[in-house]
């Protein structure tokens, strides 16, 4: 396959930025940062990005995967403490393993985004 054929599956850069922004806002709503009020509207940029990509199931899936990976990497950073402190893992290895785990669990928000785009396409925006 040519690289240009993969471009039809890649979301627009603005939608990727919106997914990352949504993840950052949601991470800041967690206890370490104490900006709990951000939780009320942190998912709005993600919903907007999925709505913009609703014509493509795969693009919406990738937008959700970007969101999920960034969110879980940002909110589960504490999982690196024990391997670094007690097992002697190198700093970069511990965060690489966290990134791999974030990629895996980031697929669940990706499924949500893909299903959300199907519902938006089928039922429209109200």
PDB file of N, CA and C in Angstrom:
ATOM      1  N   UNK A   1       0.839  -1.191   0.000  1.00  0.00           N
ATOM      2  CA  UNK A   1       0.000   0.000   0.000  1.00  0.00           C
ATOM      3  C   UNK A   1       0.873   1.238   0.000  1.00  0.00           C
ATOM      4  N   UNK A   2       0.407   2.228  -0.693  1.00  0.00           N
ATOM      5  CA  UNK A   2       1.122   3.502  -0.720  1.00  0.00           C
ATOM      6  C   UNK A   2       0.821   4.300   0.542  1.00  0.00           C
ATOM      7  N   UNK A   3       1.725   5.206   0.848  1.00  0.00           N
ATOM      8  CA  UNK A   3       1.521   6.053   2.021  1.00  0.00           C
ATOM      9  C   UNK A   3       0.324   6.963   1.830  1.00  0.00           C
ATOM     10  N   UNK A   4       0.064   7.396   0.601  1.00  0.00           N
ATOM     11  CA  UNK A   4      -1.076   8.279   0.364  1.00  0.00           C
ATOM     12  C   UNK A   4      -2.402   7.579   0.649  1.00  0.00           C
ATOM     13  N   UNK A   5      -2.439   6.247   0.549  1.00  0.00           N
ATOM     14  CA  UNK A   5      -3.678   5.534   0.860  1.00  0.00           C
ATOM     15  C   UNK A   5      -3.942   5.490   2.362  1.00  0.00           C
ATOM     16  N   UNK A   6      -2.885   5.616   3.175  1.00  0.00           N
ATOM     17  CA  UNK A   6      -3.063   5.671   4.627  1.00  0.00           C
ATOM     18  C   UNK A   6      -3.582   7.025   5.081  1.00  0.00           C
ATOM     19  N   UNK A   7      -3.379   8.057   4.301  1.00  0.00           N
ATOM     20  CA  UNK A   7      -3.804   9.404   4.689  1.00  0.00           C
ATOM     21  C   UNK A   7      -5.310   9.512   4.827  1.00  0.00           C
ATOM     22  N   UNK A   8      -6.031   8.661   4.122  1.00  0.00           N
ATOM     23  CA  UNK A   8      -7.497   8.739   4.241  1.00  0.00           C
ATOM     24  C   UNK A   8      -7.991   8.215   5.580  1.00  0.00           C
ATOM     25  N   UNK A   9      -7.121   7.555   6.347  1.00  0.00           N
ATOM     26  CA  UNK A   9      -7.487   7.052   7.666  1.00  0.00           C
ATOM     27  C   UNK A   9      -7.003   7.951   8.799  1.00  0.00           C
ATOM     28  N   UNK A  10      -6.172   8.936   8.489  1.00  0.00           N
ATOM     29  CA  UNK A  10      -5.602   9.808   9.510  1.00  0.00           C
ATOM     30  C   UNK A  10      -6.524  11.008   9.729  1.00  0.00           C
ATOM     31  N   UNK A  11      -6.874  11.303  10.973  1.00  0.00           N
ATOM     32  CA  UNK A  11      -7.757  12.453  11.229  1.00  0.00           C
ATOM     33  C   UNK A  11      -7.056  13.777  10.925  1.00  0.00           C
ATOM     34  N   UNK A  12      -7.848  14.798  10.755  1.00  0.00           N
ATOM     35  CA  UNK A  12      -7.314  16.136  10.506  1.00  0.00           C
ATOM     36  C   UNK A  12      -6.494  16.593  11.702  1.00  0.00           C
ATOM     37  N   UNK A  13      -5.443  17.380  11.456  1.00  0.00           N
ATOM     38  CA  UNK A  13      -4.600  17.831  12.575  1.00  0.00           C
ATOM     39  C   UNK A  13      -5.371  18.580  13.655  1.00  0.00           C
ATOM     40  N   UNK A  14      -6.334  19.407  13.265  1.00  0.00           N
ATOM     41  CA  UNK A  14      -7.116  20.144  14.259  1.00  0.00           C
ATOM     42  C   UNK A  14      -7.892  19.192  15.156  1.00  0.00           C
ATOM     43  N   UNK A  15      -8.427  18.130  14.592  1.00  0.00           N
ATOM     44  CA  UNK A  15      -9.187  17.170  15.388  1.00  0.00           C
ATOM     45  C   UNK A  15      -8.275  16.390  16.339  1.00  0.00           C
ATOM     46  N   UNK A  16      -7.054  16.133  15.916  1.00  0.00           N
ATOM     47  CA  UNK A  16      -6.088  15.491  16.811  1.00  0.00           C
ATOM     48  C   UNK A  16      -5.732  16.420  17.968  1.00  0.00           C
ATOM     49  N   UNK A  17      -5.565  17.696  17.666  1.00  0.00           N
ATOM     50  CA  UNK A  17      -5.267  18.681  18.716  1.00  0.00           C
ATOM     51  C   UNK A  17      -6.437  18.796  19.683  1.00  0.00           C
ATOM     52  N   UNK A  18      -7.656  18.771  19.162  1.00  0.00           N
ATOM     53  CA  UNK A  18      -8.836  18.826  20.026  1.00  0.00           C
ATOM     54  C   UNK A  18      -8.904  17.608  20.952  1.00  0.00           C
ATOM     55  N   UNK A  19      -8.540  16.431  20.437  1.00  0.00           N
ATOM     56  CA  UNK A  19      -8.535  15.226  21.270  1.00  0.00           C
ATOM     57  C   UNK A  19      -7.493  15.343  22.385  1.00  0.00           C
ATOM     58  N   UNK A  20      -6.317  15.861  22.064  1.00  0.00           N
ATOM     59  CA  UNK A  20      -5.272  16.037  23.079  1.00  0.00           C
ATOM     60  C   UNK A  20      -5.708  17.086  24.103  1.00  0.00           C
ATOM     61  N   UNK A  21      -6.311  18.171  23.634  1.00  0.00           N
ATOM     62  CA  UNK A  21      -6.807  19.215  24.548  1.00  0.00           C
ATOM     63  C   UNK A  21      -7.846  18.648  25.508  1.00  0.00           C
ATOM     64  N   UNK A  22      -8.741  17.833  24.985  1.00  0.00           N
ATOM     65  CA  UNK A  22      -9.761  17.215  25.826  1.00  0.00           C
ATOM     66  C   UNK A  22      -9.124  16.316  26.879  1.00  0.00           C
ATOM     67  N   UNK A  23      -8.113  15.561  26.491  1.00  0.00           N
ATOM     68  CA  UNK A  23      -7.422  14.684  27.446  1.00  0.00           C
ATOM     69  C   UNK A  23      -6.716  15.502  28.526  1.00  0.00           C
ATOM     70  N   UNK A  24      -6.074  16.586  28.137  1.00  0.00           N
ATOM     71  CA  UNK A  24      -5.373  17.432  29.106  1.00  0.00           C
ATOM     72  C   UNK A  24      -6.359  18.040  30.095  1.00  0.00           C
ATOM     73  N   UNK A  25      -7.481  18.543  29.586  1.00  0.00           N
ATOM     74  CA  UNK A  25      -8.490  19.125  30.477  1.00  0.00           C
ATOM     75  C   UNK A  25      -9.015  18.084  31.466  1.00  0.00           C
ATOM     76  N   UNK A  26      -9.225  16.871  30.994  1.00  0.00           N
ATOM     77  CA  UNK A  26      -9.737  15.829  31.877  1.00  0.00           C
ATOM     78  C   UNK A  26      -8.683  15.385  32.897  1.00  0.00           C
ATOM     79  N   UNK A  27      -7.429  15.347  32.513  1.00  0.00           N
ATOM     80  CA  UNK A  27      -6.359  15.015  33.458  1.00  0.00           C
ATOM     81  C   UNK A  27      -6.280  16.074  34.546  1.00  0.00           C
ATOM     82  N   UNK A  28      -6.424  17.335  34.189  1.00  0.00           N
ATOM     83  CA  UNK A  28      -6.375  18.414  35.182  1.00  0.00           C
ATOM     84  C   UNK A  28      -7.557  18.367  36.146  1.00  0.00           C
ATOM     85  N   UNK A  29      -8.612  17.654  35.800  1.00  0.00           N
ATOM     86  CA  UNK A  29      -9.762  17.526  36.696  1.00  0.00           C
ATOM     87  C   UNK A  29      -9.527  16.486  37.786  1.00  0.00           C
ATOM     88  N   UNK A  30      -8.452  15.736  37.699  1.00  0.00           N
ATOM     89  CA  UNK A  30      -8.165  14.686  38.673  1.00  0.00           C
ATOM     90  C   UNK A  30      -7.535  15.261  39.945  1.00  0.00           C
ATOM     91  N   UNK A  31      -7.507  14.478  41.035  1.00  0.00           N
ATOM     92  CA  UNK A  31      -7.129  14.991  42.346  1.00  0.00           C
ATOM     93  C   UNK A  31      -5.780  15.688  42.467  1.00  0.00           C
ATOM     94  N   UNK A  32      -4.755  15.274  41.774  1.00  0.00           N
ATOM     95  CA  UNK A  32      -3.457  15.933  41.956  1.00  0.00           C
ATOM     96  C   UNK A  32      -3.480  17.410  41.562  1.00  0.00           C
ATOM     97  N   UNK A  33      -4.334  17.757  40.627  1.00  0.00           N
ATOM     98  CA  UNK A  33      -4.383  19.142  40.163  1.00  0.00           C
ATOM     99  C   UNK A  33      -5.530  19.937  40.775  1.00  0.00           C
ATOM    100  N   UNK A  34      -6.576  19.235  41.184  1.00  0.00           N
ATOM    101  CA  UNK A  34      -7.716  19.836  41.890  1.00  0.00           C
ATOM    102  C   UNK A  34      -8.517  20.861  41.084  1.00  0.00           C
ATOM    103  N   UNK A  35      -8.502  20.751  39.758  1.00  0.00           N
ATOM    104  CA  UNK A  35      -9.364  21.603  38.925  1.00  0.00           C
ATOM    105  C   UNK A  35     -10.611  20.796  38.551  1.00  0.00           C
ATOM    106  N   UNK A  36     -11.355  20.369  39.571  1.00  0.00           N
ATOM    107  CA  UNK A  36     -12.491  19.468  39.388  1.00  0.00           C
ATOM    108  C   UNK A  36     -13.547  20.028  38.448  1.00  0.00           C
ATOM    109  N   UNK A  37     -13.688  21.341  38.382  1.00  0.00           N
ATOM    110  CA  UNK A  37     -14.719  21.953  37.545  1.00  0.00           C
ATOM    111  C   UNK A  37     -14.452  21.726  36.052  1.00  0.00           C
ATOM    112  N   UNK A  38     -13.225  21.374  35.686  1.00  0.00           N
ATOM    113  CA  UNK A  38     -12.924  21.093  34.278  1.00  0.00           C
ATOM    114  C   UNK A  38     -13.619  19.824  33.791  1.00  0.00           C
ATOM    115  N   UNK A  39     -13.966  18.950  34.707  1.00  0.00           N
ATOM    116  CA  UNK A  39     -14.622  17.699  34.321  1.00  0.00           C
ATOM    117  C   UNK A  39     -15.969  17.948  33.657  1.00  0.00           C
ATOM    118  N   UNK A  40     -16.600  19.087  33.964  1.00  0.00           N
ATOM    119  CA  UNK A  40     -17.911  19.378  33.411  1.00  0.00           C
ATOM    120  C   UNK A  40     -17.874  19.636  31.905  1.00  0.00           C
ATOM    121  N   UNK A  41     -16.751  20.110  31.395  1.00  0.00           N
ATOM    122  CA  UNK A  41     -16.717  20.397  29.951  1.00  0.00           C
ATOM    123  C   UNK A  41     -15.449  19.875  29.274  1.00  0.00           C
ATOM    124  N   UNK A  42     -14.717  19.001  29.912  1.00  0.00           N
ATOM    125  CA  UNK A  42     -13.466  18.493  29.342  1.00  0.00           C
ATOM    126  C   UNK A  42     -13.685  17.644  28.097  1.00  0.00           C
ATOM    127  N   UNK A  43     -14.815  16.994  27.985  1.00  0.00           N
ATOM    128  CA  UNK A  43     -15.060  16.127  26.831  1.00  0.00           C
ATOM    129  C   UNK A  43     -15.636  16.870  25.617  1.00  0.00           C
ATOM    130  N   UNK A  44     -15.956  18.139  25.780  1.00  0.00           N
ATOM    131  CA  UNK A  44     -16.534  18.907  24.672  1.00  0.00           C
ATOM    132  C   UNK A  44     -15.605  18.949  23.455  1.00  0.00           C
ATOM    133  N   UNK A  45     -14.298  19.222  23.618  1.00  0.00           N
ATOM    134  CA  UNK A  45     -13.435  19.201  22.427  1.00  0.00           C
ATOM    135  C   UNK A  45     -13.394  17.830  21.744  1.00  0.00           C
ATOM    136  N   UNK A  46     -13.443  16.746  22.527  1.00  0.00           N
ATOM    137  CA  UNK A  46     -13.465  15.412  21.929  1.00  0.00           C
ATOM    138  C   UNK A  46     -14.744  15.202  21.130  1.00  0.00           C
ATOM    139  N   UNK A  47     -15.878  15.581  21.695  1.00  0.00           N
ATOM    140  CA  UNK A  47     -17.144  15.428  20.980  1.00  0.00           C
ATOM    141  C   UNK A  47     -17.150  16.249  19.692  1.00  0.00           C
ATOM    142  N   UNK A  48     -16.586  17.443  19.760  1.00  0.00           N
ATOM    143  CA  UNK A  48     -16.517  18.288  18.571  1.00  0.00           C
ATOM    144  C   UNK A  48     -15.628  17.652  17.503  1.00  0.00           C
ATOM    145  N   UNK A  49     -14.497  17.084  17.918  1.00  0.00           N
ATOM    146  CA  UNK A  49     -13.589  16.431  16.967  1.00  0.00           C
ATOM    147  C   UNK A  49     -14.243  15.209  16.330  1.00  0.00           C
ATOM    148  N   UNK A  50     -14.949  14.421  17.127  1.00  0.00           N
ATOM    149  CA  UNK A  50     -15.636  13.241  16.579  1.00  0.00           C
ATOM    150  C   UNK A  50     -16.741  13.668  15.626  1.00  0.00           C
ATOM    151  N   UNK A  51     -17.431  14.732  15.972  1.00  0.00           N
ATOM    152  CA  UNK A  51     -18.490  15.236  15.081  1.00  0.00           C
ATOM    153  C   UNK A  51     -17.903  15.697  13.754  1.00  0.00           C
ATOM    154  N   UNK A  52     -16.738  16.283  13.782  1.00  0.00           N
ATOM    155  CA  UNK A  52     -16.088  16.737  12.551  1.00  0.00           C
ATOM    156  C   UNK A  52     -15.606  15.566  11.701  1.00  0.00           C
ATOM    157  N   UNK A  53     -15.347  14.435  12.321  1.00  0.00           N
ATOM    158  CA  UNK A  53     -14.858  13.248  11.604  1.00  0.00           C
ATOM    159  C   UNK A  53     -15.933  12.173  11.455  1.00  0.00           C
ATOM    160  N   UNK A  54     -17.190  12.523  11.627  1.00  0.00           N
ATOM    161  CA  UNK A  54     -18.252  11.521  11.674  1.00  0.00           C
ATOM    162  C   UNK A  54     -18.457  10.762  10.366  1.00  0.00           C
ATOM    163  N   UNK A  55     -17.958  11.278   9.263  1.00  0.00           N
ATOM    164  CA  UNK A  55     -18.128  10.587   7.984  1.00  0.00           C
ATOM    165  C   UNK A  55     -17.234   9.359   7.877  1.00  0.00           C
ATOM    166  N   UNK A  56     -16.216   9.278   8.706  1.00  0.00           N
ATOM    167  CA  UNK A  56     -15.292   8.149   8.657  1.00  0.00           C
ATOM    168  C   UNK A  56     -15.221   7.475  10.022  1.00  0.00           C
ATOM    169  N   UNK A  57     -15.644   6.251  10.058  1.00  0.00           N
ATOM    170  CA  UNK A  57     -15.585   5.441  11.272  1.00  0.00           C
ATOM    171  C   UNK A  57     -14.145   5.321  11.767  1.00  0.00           C
ATOM    172  N   UNK A  58     -13.210   5.111  10.834  1.00  0.00           N
ATOM    173  CA  UNK A  58     -11.808   4.883  11.204  1.00  0.00           C
ATOM    174  C   UNK A  58     -11.157   6.164  11.727  1.00  0.00           C
ATOM    175  N   UNK A  59     -11.453   7.299  11.115  1.00  0.00           N
ATOM    176  CA  UNK A  59     -10.890   8.569  11.598  1.00  0.00           C
ATOM    177  C   UNK A  59     -11.400   8.885  12.996  1.00  0.00           C
ATOM    178  N   UNK A  60     -12.667   8.629  13.236  1.00  0.00           N
ATOM    179  CA  UNK A  60     -13.217   8.841  14.582  1.00  0.00           C
ATOM    180  C   UNK A  60     -12.575   7.899  15.590  1.00  0.00           C
ATOM    181  N   UNK A  61     -12.316   6.674  15.159  1.00  0.00           N
ATOM    182  CA  UNK A  61     -11.643   5.719  16.022  1.00  0.00           C
ATOM    183  C   UNK A  61     -10.260   6.235  16.409  1.00  0.00           C
ATOM    184  N   UNK A  62      -9.517   6.769  15.452  1.00  0.00           N
ATOM    185  CA  UNK A  62      -8.183   7.292  15.750  1.00  0.00           C
ATOM    186  C   UNK A  62      -8.238   8.536  16.630  1.00  0.00           C
ATOM    187  N   UNK A  63      -9.240   9.376  16.446  1.00  0.00           N
ATOM    188  CA  UNK A  63      -9.398  10.544  17.323  1.00  0.00           C
ATOM    189  C   UNK A  63      -9.623  10.076  18.759  1.00  0.00           C
ATOM    190  N   UNK A  64     -10.473   9.091  18.938  1.00  0.00           N
ATOM    191  CA  UNK A  64     -10.716   8.545  20.267  1.00  0.00           C
ATOM    192  C   UNK A  64      -9.488   7.856  20.846  1.00  0.00           C
ATOM    193  N   UNK A  65      -8.698   7.222  19.981  1.00  0.00           N
ATOM    194  CA  UNK A  65      -7.493   6.552  20.450  1.00  0.00           C
ATOM    195  C   UNK A  65      -6.438   7.564  20.897  1.00  0.00           C
ATOM    196  N   UNK A  66      -6.334   8.661  20.176  1.00  0.00           N
ATOM    197  CA  UNK A  66      -5.422   9.729  20.586  1.00  0.00           C
ATOM    198  C   UNK A  66      -5.848  10.271  21.947  1.00  0.00           C
ATOM    199  N   UNK A  67      -7.152  10.518  22.097  1.00  0.00           N
ATOM    200  CA  UNK A  67      -7.663  10.999  23.385  1.00  0.00           C
ATOM    201  C   UNK A  67      -7.369  10.009  24.498  1.00  0.00           C
ATOM    202  N   UNK A  68      -7.719   8.742  24.279  1.00  0.00           N
ATOM    203  CA  UNK A  68      -7.550   7.726  25.315  1.00  0.00           C
ATOM    204  C   UNK A  68      -6.106   7.523  25.710  1.00  0.00           C
ATOM    205  N   UNK A  69      -5.215   7.490  24.736  1.00  0.00           N
ATOM    206  CA  UNK A  69      -3.800   7.306  25.035  1.00  0.00           C
ATOM    207  C   UNK A  69      -3.256   8.475  25.847  1.00  0.00           C
ATOM    208  N   UNK A  70      -3.573   9.693  25.426  1.00  0.00           N
ATOM    209  CA  UNK A  70      -3.098  10.881  26.161  1.00  0.00           C
ATOM    210  C   UNK A  70      -3.705  10.948  27.561  1.00  0.00           C
ATOM    211  N   UNK A  71      -4.983  10.629  27.672  1.00  0.00           N
ATOM    212  CA  UNK A  71      -5.638  10.682  28.981  1.00  0.00           C
ATOM    213  C   UNK A  71      -5.033   9.672  29.949  1.00  0.00           C
ATOM    214  N   UNK A  72      -4.905   8.421  29.514  1.00  0.00           N
ATOM    215  CA  UNK A  72      -4.389   7.397  30.429  1.00  0.00           C
ATOM    216  C   UNK A  72      -2.909   7.607  30.738  1.00  0.00           C
ATOM    217  N   UNK A  73      -2.138   8.111  29.791  1.00  0.00           N
ATOM    218  CA  UNK A  73      -0.738   8.409  30.069  1.00  0.00           C
ATOM    219  C   UNK A  73      -0.631   9.540  31.086  1.00  0.00           C
ATOM    220  N   UNK A  74      -1.493  10.544  30.959  1.00  0.00           N
ATOM    221  CA  UNK A  74      -1.448  11.676  31.879  1.00  0.00           C
ATOM    222  C   UNK A  74      -2.017  11.393  33.248  1.00  0.00           C
ATOM    223  N   UNK A  75      -2.992  10.503  33.323  1.00  0.00           N
ATOM    224  CA  UNK A  75      -3.630  10.253  34.618  1.00  0.00           C
ATOM    225  C   UNK A  75      -3.042   9.056  35.356  1.00  0.00           C
ATOM    226  N   UNK A  76      -2.281   8.226  34.690  1.00  0.00           N
ATOM    227  CA  UNK A  76      -1.715   7.027  35.334  1.00  0.00           C
ATOM    228  C   UNK A  76      -0.199   7.102  35.472  1.00  0.00           C
ATOM    229  N   UNK A  77       0.354   8.285  35.483  1.00  0.00           N
ATOM    230  CA  UNK A  77       1.800   8.471  35.607  1.00  0.00           C
ATOM    231  C   UNK A  77       2.335   7.833  36.883  1.00  0.00           C
ATOM    232  N   UNK A  78       1.520   7.761  37.911  1.00  0.00           N
ATOM    233  CA  UNK A  78       1.941   7.229  39.200  1.00  0.00           C
ATOM    234  C   UNK A  78       2.283   5.745  39.138  1.00  0.00           C
ATOM    235  N   UNK A  79       1.853   5.061  38.086  1.00  0.00           N
ATOM    236  CA  UNK A  79       2.176   3.639  37.949  1.00  0.00           C
ATOM    237  C   UNK A  79       3.665   3.400  37.710  1.00  0.00           C
ATOM    238  N   UNK A  80       4.403   4.447  37.380  1.00  0.00           N
ATOM    239  CA  UNK A  80       5.839   4.296  37.161  1.00  0.00           C
ATOM    240  C   UNK A  80       6.644   4.374  38.450  1.00  0.00           C
ATOM    241  N   UNK A  81       6.016   4.807  39.542  1.00  0.00           N
ATOM    242  CA  UNK A  81       6.752   5.002  40.793  1.00  0.00           C
ATOM    243  C   UNK A  81       7.380   3.702  41.306  1.00  0.00           C
ATOM    244  N   UNK A  82       6.591   2.647  41.411  1.00  0.00           N
ATOM    245  CA  UNK A  82       7.094   1.389  41.968  1.00  0.00           C
ATOM    246  C   UNK A  82       8.195   0.761  41.103  1.00  0.00           C
ATOM    247  N   UNK A  83       8.032   0.672  39.786  1.00  0.00           N
ATOM    248  CA  UNK A  83       9.125   0.092  38.996  1.00  0.00           C
ATOM    249  C   UNK A  83      10.424   0.901  39.073  1.00  0.00           C
ATOM    250  N   UNK A  84      10.301   2.224  39.108  1.00  0.00           N
ATOM    251  CA  UNK A  84      11.505   3.053  39.180  1.00  0.00           C
ATOM    252  C   UNK A  84      12.140   2.954  40.566  1.00  0.00           C
ATOM    253  N   UNK A  85      11.318   3.076  41.609  1.00  0.00           N
ATOM    254  CA  UNK A  85      11.833   3.137  42.978  1.00  0.00           C
ATOM    255  C   UNK A  85      12.267   1.779  43.514  1.00  0.00           C
ATOM    256  N   UNK A  86      11.431   0.767  43.349  1.00  0.00           N
ATOM    257  CA  UNK A  86      11.688  -0.509  43.999  1.00  0.00           C
ATOM    258  C   UNK A  86      12.324  -1.560  43.089  1.00  0.00           C
ATOM    259  N   UNK A  87      12.072  -1.485  41.794  1.00  0.00           N
ATOM    260  CA  UNK A  87      12.634  -2.485  40.879  1.00  0.00           C
ATOM    261  C   UNK A  87      13.865  -1.973  40.148  1.00  0.00           C
ATOM    262  N   UNK A  88      14.137  -0.691  40.266  1.00  0.00           N
ATOM    263  CA  UNK A  88      15.323  -0.141  39.640  1.00  0.00           C
ATOM    264  C   UNK A  88      15.226   0.017  38.130  1.00  0.00           C
ATOM    265  N   UNK A  89      13.989   0.094  37.616  1.00  0.00           N
ATOM    266  CA  UNK A  89      13.828   0.302  36.175  1.00  0.00           C
ATOM    267  C   UNK A  89      14.392   1.663  35.803  1.00  0.00           C
ATOM    268  N   UNK A  90      14.997   1.771  34.639  1.00  0.00           N
ATOM    269  CA  UNK A  90      15.375   3.100  34.155  1.00  0.00           C
ATOM    270  C   UNK A  90      14.124   3.949  33.920  1.00  0.00           C
ATOM    271  N   UNK A  91      14.265   5.232  34.127  1.00  0.00           N
ATOM    272  CA  UNK A  91      13.170   6.190  33.992  1.00  0.00           C
ATOM    273  C   UNK A  91      12.464   6.041  32.636  1.00  0.00           C
ATOM    274  N   UNK A  92      13.250   6.017  31.558  1.00  0.00           N
ATOM    275  CA  UNK A  92      12.658   5.951  30.216  1.00  0.00           C
ATOM    276  C   UNK A  92      11.934   4.633  29.967  1.00  0.00           C
ATOM    277  N   UNK A  93      12.462   3.535  30.496  1.00  0.00           N
ATOM    278  CA  UNK A  93      11.809   2.241  30.320  1.00  0.00           C
ATOM    279  C   UNK A  93      10.456   2.208  31.031  1.00  0.00           C
ATOM    280  N   UNK A  94      10.407   2.740  32.236  1.00  0.00           N
ATOM    281  CA  UNK A  94       9.143   2.745  32.980  1.00  0.00           C
ATOM    282  C   UNK A  94       8.083   3.561  32.243  1.00  0.00           C
ATOM    283  N   UNK A  95       8.464   4.716  31.720  1.00  0.00           N
ATOM    284  CA  UNK A  95       7.493   5.530  30.999  1.00  0.00           C
ATOM    285  C   UNK A  95       7.161   4.948  29.627  1.00  0.00           C
ATOM    286  N   UNK A  96       8.091   4.239  29.018  1.00  0.00           N
ATOM    287  CA  UNK A  96       7.781   3.549  27.768  1.00  0.00           C
ATOM    288  C   UNK A  96       6.746   2.450  28.007  1.00  0.00           C
ATOM    289  N   UNK A  97       6.917   1.695  29.079  1.00  0.00           N
ATOM    290  CA  UNK A  97       5.942   0.651  29.417  1.00  0.00           C
ATOM    291  C   UNK A  97       4.581   1.253  29.747  1.00  0.00           C
ATOM    292  N   UNK A  98       4.585   2.395  30.417  1.00  0.00           N
ATOM    293  CA  UNK A  98       3.322   3.084  30.689  1.00  0.00           C
ATOM    294  C   UNK A  98       2.671   3.528  29.383  1.00  0.00           C
ATOM    295  N   UNK A  99       3.473   4.020  28.445  1.00  0.00           N
ATOM    296  CA  UNK A  99       2.933   4.430  27.148  1.00  0.00           C
ATOM    297  C   UNK A  99       2.324   3.238  26.408  1.00  0.00           C
ATOM    298  N   UNK A 100       2.985   2.091  26.464  1.00  0.00           N
ATOM    299  CA  UNK A 100       2.440   0.885  25.814  1.00  0.00           C
ATOM    300  C   UNK A 100       1.107   0.477  26.446  1.00  0.00           C
ATOM    301  N   UNK A 101       1.034   0.538  27.759  1.00  0.00           N
ATOM    302  CA  UNK A 101      -0.226   0.222  28.442  1.00  0.00           C
ATOM    303  C   UNK A 101      -1.292   1.256  28.100  1.00  0.00           C
ATOM    304  N   UNK A 102      -0.896   2.511  27.986  1.00  0.00           N
ATOM    305  CA  UNK A 102      -1.849   3.569  27.626  1.00  0.00           C
ATOM    306  C   UNK A 102      -2.376   3.371  26.215  1.00  0.00           C
ATOM    307  N   UNK A 103      -1.525   2.923  25.313  1.00  0.00           N
ATOM    308  CA  UNK A 103      -1.986   2.607  23.956  1.00  0.00           C
ATOM    309  C   UNK A 103      -3.039   1.500  23.977  1.00  0.00           C
ATOM    310  N   UNK A 104      -2.817   0.514  24.842  1.00  0.00           N
ATOM    311  CA  UNK A 104      -3.754  -0.614  24.903  1.00  0.00           C
ATOM    312  C   UNK A 104      -5.104  -0.190  25.474  1.00  0.00           C
ATOM    313  N   UNK A 105      -5.106   0.483  26.617  1.00  0.00           N
ATOM    314  CA  UNK A 105      -6.386   0.862  27.222  1.00  0.00           C
ATOM    315  C   UNK A 105      -7.003   2.073  26.533  1.00  0.00           C
ATOM    316  N   UNK A 106      -6.206   2.800  25.755  1.00  0.00           N
ATOM    317  CA  UNK A 106      -6.743   3.910  24.973  1.00  0.00           C
ATOM    318  C   UNK A 106      -7.678   3.455  23.871  1.00  0.00           C
ATOM    319  N   UNK A 107      -7.680   2.154  23.611  1.00  0.00           N
ATOM    320  CA  UNK A 107      -8.574   1.623  22.582  1.00  0.00           C
ATOM    321  C   UNK A 107     -10.036   1.653  23.026  1.00  0.00           C
ATOM    322  N   UNK A 108     -10.308   1.647  24.318  1.00  0.00           N
ATOM    323  CA  UNK A 108     -11.695   1.685  24.788  1.00  0.00           C
ATOM    324  C   UNK A 108     -12.365   3.036  24.495  1.00  0.00           C
ATOM    325  N   UNK A 109     -11.723   4.172  24.783  1.00  0.00           N
ATOM    326  CA  UNK A 109     -12.308   5.433  24.323  1.00  0.00           C
ATOM    327  C   UNK A 109     -12.371   5.518  22.800  1.00  0.00           C
ATOM    328  N   UNK A 110     -11.468   4.825  22.118  1.00  0.00           N
ATOM    329  CA  UNK A 110     -11.509   4.811  20.653  1.00  0.00           C
ATOM    330  C   UNK A 110     -12.782   4.122  20.162  1.00  0.00           C
ATOM    331  N   UNK A 111     -13.138   3.024  20.801  1.00  0.00           N
ATOM    332  CA  UNK A 111     -14.387   2.344  20.434  1.00  0.00           C
ATOM    333  C   UNK A 111     -15.595   3.236  20.700  1.00  0.00           C
ATOM    334  N   UNK A 112     -15.565   3.950  21.823  1.00  0.00           N
ATOM    335  CA  UNK A 112     -16.647   4.883  22.119  1.00  0.00           C
ATOM    336  C   UNK A 112     -16.753   5.949  21.035  1.00  0.00           C
ATOM    337  N   UNK A 113     -15.631   6.534  20.634  1.00  0.00           N
ATOM    338  CA  UNK A 113     -15.646   7.593  19.622  1.00  0.00           C
ATOM    339  C   UNK A 113     -16.155   7.067  18.279  1.00  0.00           C
ATOM    340  N   UNK A 114     -15.757   5.856  17.934  1.00  0.00           N
ATOM    341  CA  UNK A 114     -16.217   5.273  16.676  1.00  0.00           C
ATOM    342  C   UNK A 114     -17.725   5.029  16.716  1.00  0.00           C
ATOM    343  N   UNK A 115     -18.229   4.487  17.809  1.00  0.00           N
ATOM    344  CA  UNK A 115     -19.676   4.263  17.930  1.00  0.00           C
ATOM    345  C   UNK A 115     -20.437   5.586  17.978  1.00  0.00           C
ATOM    346  N   UNK A 116     -19.865   6.566  18.649  1.00  0.00           N
ATOM    347  CA  UNK A 116     -20.484   7.891  18.710  1.00  0.00           C
ATOM    348  C   UNK A 116     -20.592   8.498  17.312  1.00  0.00           C
ATOM    349  N   UNK A 117     -19.572   8.310  16.481  1.00  0.00           N
ATOM    350  CA  UNK A 117     -19.625   8.848  15.120  1.00  0.00           C
ATOM    351  C   UNK A 117     -20.689   8.129  14.285  1.00  0.00           C
ATOM    352  N   UNK A 118     -20.869   6.841  14.526  1.00  0.00           N
ATOM    353  CA  UNK A 118     -21.915   6.099  13.811  1.00  0.00           C
ATOM    354  C   UNK A 118     -23.284   6.632  14.209  1.00  0.00           C
ATOM    355  N   UNK A 119     -23.495   6.857  15.505  1.00  0.00           N
ATOM    356  CA  UNK A 119     -24.767   7.409  15.964  1.00  0.00           C
ATOM    357  C   UNK A 119     -24.994   8.814  15.425  1.00  0.00           C
ATOM    358  N   UNK A 120     -23.958   9.623  15.370  1.00  0.00           N
ATOM    359  CA  UNK A 120     -24.098  10.976  14.821  1.00  0.00           C
ATOM    360  C   UNK A 120     -24.445  10.918  13.337  1.00  0.00           C
ATOM    361  N   UNK A 121     -23.819  10.023  12.627  1.00  0.00           N
ATOM    362  CA  UNK A 121     -24.079   9.906  11.186  1.00  0.00           C
ATOM    363  C   UNK A 121     -25.489   9.393  10.931  1.00  0.00           C
ATOM    364  N   UNK A 122     -25.930   8.449  11.759  1.00  0.00           N
ATOM    365  CA  UNK A 122     -27.248   7.852  11.546  1.00  0.00           C
ATOM    366  C   UNK A 122     -28.385   8.767  12.007  1.00  0.00           C
ATOM    367  N   UNK A 123     -28.241   9.362  13.175  1.00  0.00           N
ATOM    368  CA  UNK A 123     -29.332  10.135  13.755  1.00  0.00           C
ATOM    369  C   UNK A 123     -29.173  11.639  13.576  1.00  0.00           C
ATOM    370  N   UNK A 124     -27.999  12.098  13.183  1.00  0.00           N
ATOM    371  CA  UNK A 124     -27.793  13.512  12.940  1.00  0.00           C
ATOM    372  C   UNK A 124     -27.533  14.304  14.207  1.00  0.00           C
ATOM    373  N   UNK A 125     -27.340  15.584  14.022  1.00  0.00           N
ATOM    374  CA  UNK A 125     -27.098  16.498  15.140  1.00  0.00           C
ATOM    375  C   UNK A 125     -28.378  17.239  15.487  1.00  0.00           C
ATOM    376  N   UNK A 126     -28.634  17.336  16.768  1.00  0.00           N
ATOM    377  CA  UNK A 126     -29.822  18.077  17.204  1.00  0.00           C
ATOM    378  C   UNK A 126     -29.423  19.191  18.094  1.00  0.00           C
TER     379      UNK A 126
END
